[in-house]
């Protein structure tokens, strides 16, 4: 009985090996019949498609965002209410090449000024911040 069972397993393995060998031979024959241009296209096309996906999902949106930020930084003017990347709210008092002077509060009745780099501006506030009718500088 065990001999019949072992014989069945060995014959099944032999059939699978023969089938796999004929399938591999058929694949090799197809590859040999494929032209070099088709083989090159088969290798290059997936890379081109991945490049296109990366461009439209990562690179292009980042460029749009960078362009928008650059435009916002170029359009800063005296009196704009801004937020820095550090979370400081202030009003622009002066603009030089790459530095901006902000009024960030009152100290002894005078506006307290702070100088920050232009690139440190996160956004321009659309509405001025008010606290109980008192306008913040």
C-alpha atoms as a PDB file:
ATOM      1  CA  UNK A   1       0.000   0.000   0.000  1.00  0.00           C
ATOM      2  CA  UNK A   2       2.804   2.399   0.881  1.00  0.00           C
ATOM      3  CA  UNK A   3       4.517   1.509  -2.406  1.00  0.00           C
ATOM      4  CA  UNK A   4       1.376   2.490  -4.347  1.00  0.00           C
ATOM      5  CA  UNK A   5       1.157   5.760  -2.452  1.00  0.00           C
ATOM      6  CA  UNK A   6       4.867   6.583  -3.062  1.00  0.00           C
ATOM      7  CA  UNK A   7       4.545   5.583  -6.703  1.00  0.00           C
ATOM      8  CA  UNK A   8       1.578   7.960  -7.054  1.00  0.00           C
ATOM      9  CA  UNK A   9       3.540  10.849  -5.572  1.00  0.00           C
ATOM     10  CA  UNK A  10       6.583  10.243  -7.754  1.00  0.00           C
ATOM     11  CA  UNK A  11       4.480   9.977 -10.895  1.00  0.00           C
ATOM     12  CA  UNK A  12       2.648  13.222 -10.026  1.00  0.00           C
ATOM     13  CA  UNK A  13       5.971  15.001  -9.484  1.00  0.00           C
ATOM     14  CA  UNK A  14       7.251  13.704 -12.795  1.00  0.00           C
ATOM     15  CA  UNK A  15       4.152  15.012 -14.592  1.00  0.00           C
ATOM     16  CA  UNK A  16       4.487  18.463 -12.954  1.00  0.00           C
ATOM     17  CA  UNK A  17       8.151  18.667 -13.884  1.00  0.00           C
ATOM     18  CA  UNK A  18       7.363  17.728 -17.458  1.00  0.00           C
ATOM     19  CA  UNK A  19       4.562  20.295 -17.646  1.00  0.00           C
ATOM     20  CA  UNK A  20       6.764  23.013 -16.161  1.00  0.00           C
ATOM     21  CA  UNK A  21       9.550  22.151 -18.597  1.00  0.00           C
ATOM     22  CA  UNK A  22       7.232  22.414 -21.601  1.00  0.00           C
ATOM     23  CA  UNK A  23       5.798  25.716 -20.295  1.00  0.00           C
ATOM     24  CA  UNK A  24       9.302  27.126 -19.814  1.00  0.00           C
ATOM     25  CA  UNK A  25      10.276  25.941 -23.296  1.00  0.00           C
ATOM     26  CA  UNK A  26       7.202  27.672 -24.762  1.00  0.00           C
ATOM     27  CA  UNK A  27       8.040  30.925 -22.921  1.00  0.00           C
ATOM     28  CA  UNK A  28      11.623  30.782 -24.165  1.00  0.00           C
ATOM     29  CA  UNK A  29      10.401  30.242 -27.720  1.00  0.00           C
ATOM     30  CA  UNK A  30       8.117  33.287 -27.434  1.00  0.00           C
ATOM     31  CA  UNK A  31      10.942  35.400 -26.066  1.00  0.00           C
ATOM     32  CA  UNK A  32      13.186  34.323 -28.917  1.00  0.00           C
ATOM     33  CA  UNK A  33      10.494  35.315 -31.434  1.00  0.00           C
ATOM     34  CA  UNK A  34      10.034  38.810 -29.839  1.00  0.00           C
ATOM     35  CA  UNK A  35      11.781  41.569 -31.744  1.00  0.00           C
ATOM     36  CA  UNK A  36      14.472  43.644 -29.991  1.00  0.00           C
ATOM     37  CA  UNK A  37      12.324  46.781 -30.269  1.00  0.00           C
ATOM     38  CA  UNK A  38       9.417  45.056 -28.548  1.00  0.00           C
ATOM     39  CA  UNK A  39      11.705  43.764 -25.804  1.00  0.00           C
ATOM     40  CA  UNK A  40      13.114  47.262 -25.267  1.00  0.00           C
ATOM     41  CA  UNK A  41       9.600  48.724 -25.174  1.00  0.00           C
ATOM     42  CA  UNK A  42       8.592  46.098 -22.649  1.00  0.00           C
ATOM     43  CA  UNK A  43      11.440  47.216 -20.369  1.00  0.00           C
ATOM     44  CA  UNK A  44      11.170  50.985 -20.851  1.00  0.00           C
ATOM     45  CA  UNK A  45       7.381  51.464 -20.831  1.00  0.00           C
ATOM     46  CA  UNK A  46       6.880  50.672 -17.106  1.00  0.00           C
ATOM     47  CA  UNK A  47       9.688  53.075 -16.170  1.00  0.00           C
ATOM     48  CA  UNK A  48       8.139  55.859 -18.247  1.00  0.00           C
ATOM     49  CA  UNK A  49       4.727  55.236 -16.682  1.00  0.00           C
ATOM     50  CA  UNK A  50       6.197  55.341 -13.159  1.00  0.00           C
ATOM     51  CA  UNK A  51       7.973  58.604 -14.004  1.00  0.00           C
ATOM     52  CA  UNK A  52       4.695  60.109 -15.238  1.00  0.00           C
ATOM     53  CA  UNK A  53       2.869  59.039 -12.076  1.00  0.00           C
ATOM     54  CA  UNK A  54       5.580  60.554  -9.859  1.00  0.00           C
ATOM     55  CA  UNK A  55       5.503  63.790 -11.864  1.00  0.00           C
ATOM     56  CA  UNK A  56       1.727  64.260 -11.668  1.00  0.00           C
ATOM     57  CA  UNK A  57       1.326  63.099  -8.059  1.00  0.00           C
ATOM     58  CA  UNK A  58       4.443  64.538  -6.374  1.00  0.00           C
ATOM     59  CA  UNK A  59       6.506  66.977  -8.416  1.00  0.00           C
ATOM     60  CA  UNK A  60       3.810  69.061 -10.123  1.00  0.00           C
ATOM     61  CA  UNK A  61       1.738  69.790  -6.978  1.00  0.00           C
ATOM     62  CA  UNK A  62       4.889  70.761  -5.062  1.00  0.00           C
ATOM     63  CA  UNK A  63       5.916  73.161  -7.822  1.00  0.00           C
ATOM     64  CA  UNK A  64       2.469  74.763  -7.751  1.00  0.00           C
ATOM     65  CA  UNK A  65       2.687  75.186  -3.987  1.00  0.00           C
ATOM     66  CA  UNK A  66       6.197  76.673  -4.207  1.00  0.00           C
ATOM     67  CA  UNK A  67       5.060  79.113  -6.898  1.00  0.00           C
ATOM     68  CA  UNK A  68       2.127  80.216  -4.737  1.00  0.00           C
ATOM     69  CA  UNK A  69       4.386  80.786  -1.687  1.00  0.00           C
ATOM     70  CA  UNK A  70       6.920  82.712  -3.768  1.00  0.00           C
ATOM     71  CA  UNK A  71       4.154  84.939  -5.137  1.00  0.00           C
ATOM     72  CA  UNK A  72       2.831  85.572  -1.610  1.00  0.00           C
ATOM     73  CA  UNK A  73       6.317  86.545  -0.356  1.00  0.00           C
ATOM     74  CA  UNK A  74       6.848  88.919  -3.300  1.00  0.00           C
ATOM     75  CA  UNK A  75       3.491  90.650  -2.684  1.00  0.00           C
ATOM     76  CA  UNK A  76       4.139  91.527   0.990  1.00  0.00           C
ATOM     77  CA  UNK A  77       3.583  95.177   1.822  1.00  0.00           C
ATOM     78  CA  UNK A  78       3.670  97.539   4.796  1.00  0.00           C
ATOM     79  CA  UNK A  79       0.690  96.973   7.101  1.00  0.00           C
ATOM     80  CA  UNK A  80       0.032  93.329   6.198  1.00  0.00           C
ATOM     81  CA  UNK A  81      -0.874  91.085   9.124  1.00  0.00           C
ATOM     82  CA  UNK A  82       1.247  87.920   8.876  1.00  0.00           C
ATOM     83  CA  UNK A  83       2.076  84.678  10.678  1.00  0.00           C
ATOM     84  CA  UNK A  84       5.636  83.360  10.849  1.00  0.00           C
ATOM     85  CA  UNK A  85       6.625  79.706  10.684  1.00  0.00           C
ATOM     86  CA  UNK A  86       7.281  79.941  14.418  1.00  0.00           C
ATOM     87  CA  UNK A  87       3.675  80.939  15.101  1.00  0.00           C
ATOM     88  CA  UNK A  88       4.307  84.634  15.791  1.00  0.00           C
ATOM     89  CA  UNK A  89       1.582  87.027  14.638  1.00  0.00           C
ATOM     90  CA  UNK A  90       2.685  90.474  13.634  1.00  0.00           C
ATOM     91  CA  UNK A  91       2.144  93.463  11.395  1.00  0.00           C
ATOM     92  CA  UNK A  92       4.756  94.402   8.810  1.00  0.00           C
ATOM     93  CA  UNK A  93       6.412  97.700   9.701  1.00  0.00           C
ATOM     94  CA  UNK A  94       9.259  97.648   7.189  1.00  0.00           C
ATOM     95  CA  UNK A  95      10.622  95.525   4.352  1.00  0.00           C
ATOM     96  CA  UNK A  96      14.230  95.312   3.239  1.00  0.00           C
ATOM     97  CA  UNK A  97      15.763  92.839   0.776  1.00  0.00           C
ATOM     98  CA  UNK A  98      15.521  89.597   2.757  1.00  0.00           C
ATOM     99  CA  UNK A  99      14.404  90.885   6.151  1.00  0.00           C
ATOM    100  CA  UNK A 100      11.077  92.103   7.443  1.00  0.00           C
ATOM    101  CA  UNK A 101      10.475  94.199  10.540  1.00  0.00           C
ATOM    102  CA  UNK A 102       7.338  93.226  12.447  1.00  0.00           C
ATOM    103  CA  UNK A 103       5.364  94.939  15.169  1.00  0.00           C
ATOM    104  CA  UNK A 104       4.398  92.096  17.503  1.00  0.00           C
ATOM    105  CA  UNK A 105       2.871  93.927  20.439  1.00  0.00           C
ATOM    106  CA  UNK A 106       3.229  96.910  22.742  1.00  0.00           C
ATOM    107  CA  UNK A 107       6.081  97.601  25.143  1.00  0.00           C
ATOM    108  CA  UNK A 108       5.758 100.787  27.166  1.00  0.00           C
ATOM    109  CA  UNK A 109       3.228 102.248  24.746  1.00  0.00           C
ATOM    110  CA  UNK A 110       5.532 101.730  21.778  1.00  0.00           C
ATOM    111  CA  UNK A 111       5.212  98.899  19.259  1.00  0.00           C
ATOM    112  CA  UNK A 112       7.652  96.091  20.002  1.00  0.00           C
ATOM    113  CA  UNK A 113       9.579  95.413  16.797  1.00  0.00           C
ATOM    114  CA  UNK A 114      11.098  92.150  15.682  1.00  0.00           C
ATOM    115  CA  UNK A 115      13.156  91.429  12.566  1.00  0.00           C
ATOM    116  CA  UNK A 116      12.632  88.124  10.753  1.00  0.00           C
ATOM    117  CA  UNK A 117      13.786  86.622   7.473  1.00  0.00           C
ATOM    118  CA  UNK A 118      11.426  86.936   4.530  1.00  0.00           C
ATOM    119  CA  UNK A 119      11.355  83.157   4.011  1.00  0.00           C
ATOM    120  CA  UNK A 120      10.090  82.727   7.609  1.00  0.00           C
ATOM    121  CA  UNK A 121       6.665  84.147   6.725  1.00  0.00           C
ATOM    122  CA  UNK A 122       4.065  81.372   6.588  1.00  0.00           C
ATOM    123  CA  UNK A 123       0.993  83.293   5.484  1.00  0.00           C
ATOM    124  CA  UNK A 124      -0.681  86.655   5.207  1.00  0.00           C
ATOM    125  CA  UNK A 125      -3.782  86.897   7.383  1.00  0.00           C
ATOM    126  CA  UNK A 126      -6.897  87.951   5.485  1.00  0.00           C
ATOM    127  CA  UNK A 127      -8.710  89.396   8.511  1.00  0.00           C
ATOM    128  CA  UNK A 128      -7.030  91.436  11.195  1.00  0.00           C
ATOM    129  CA  UNK A 129      -7.083  89.871  14.642  1.00  0.00           C
ATOM    130  CA  UNK A 130      -9.179  91.798  17.142  1.00  0.00           C
ATOM    131  CA  UNK A 131      -9.608  91.194  20.843  1.00  0.00           C
ATOM    132  CA  UNK A 132     -12.606  92.836  22.511  1.00  0.00           C
ATOM    133  CA  UNK A 133     -12.580  95.774  20.121  1.00  0.00           C
ATOM    134  CA  UNK A 134      -8.863  96.414  20.569  1.00  0.00           C
ATOM    135  CA  UNK A 135      -6.888  96.076  17.333  1.00  0.00           C
ATOM    136  CA  UNK A 136      -3.645  94.172  17.776  1.00  0.00           C
ATOM    137  CA  UNK A 137      -0.499  95.436  16.082  1.00  0.00           C
END
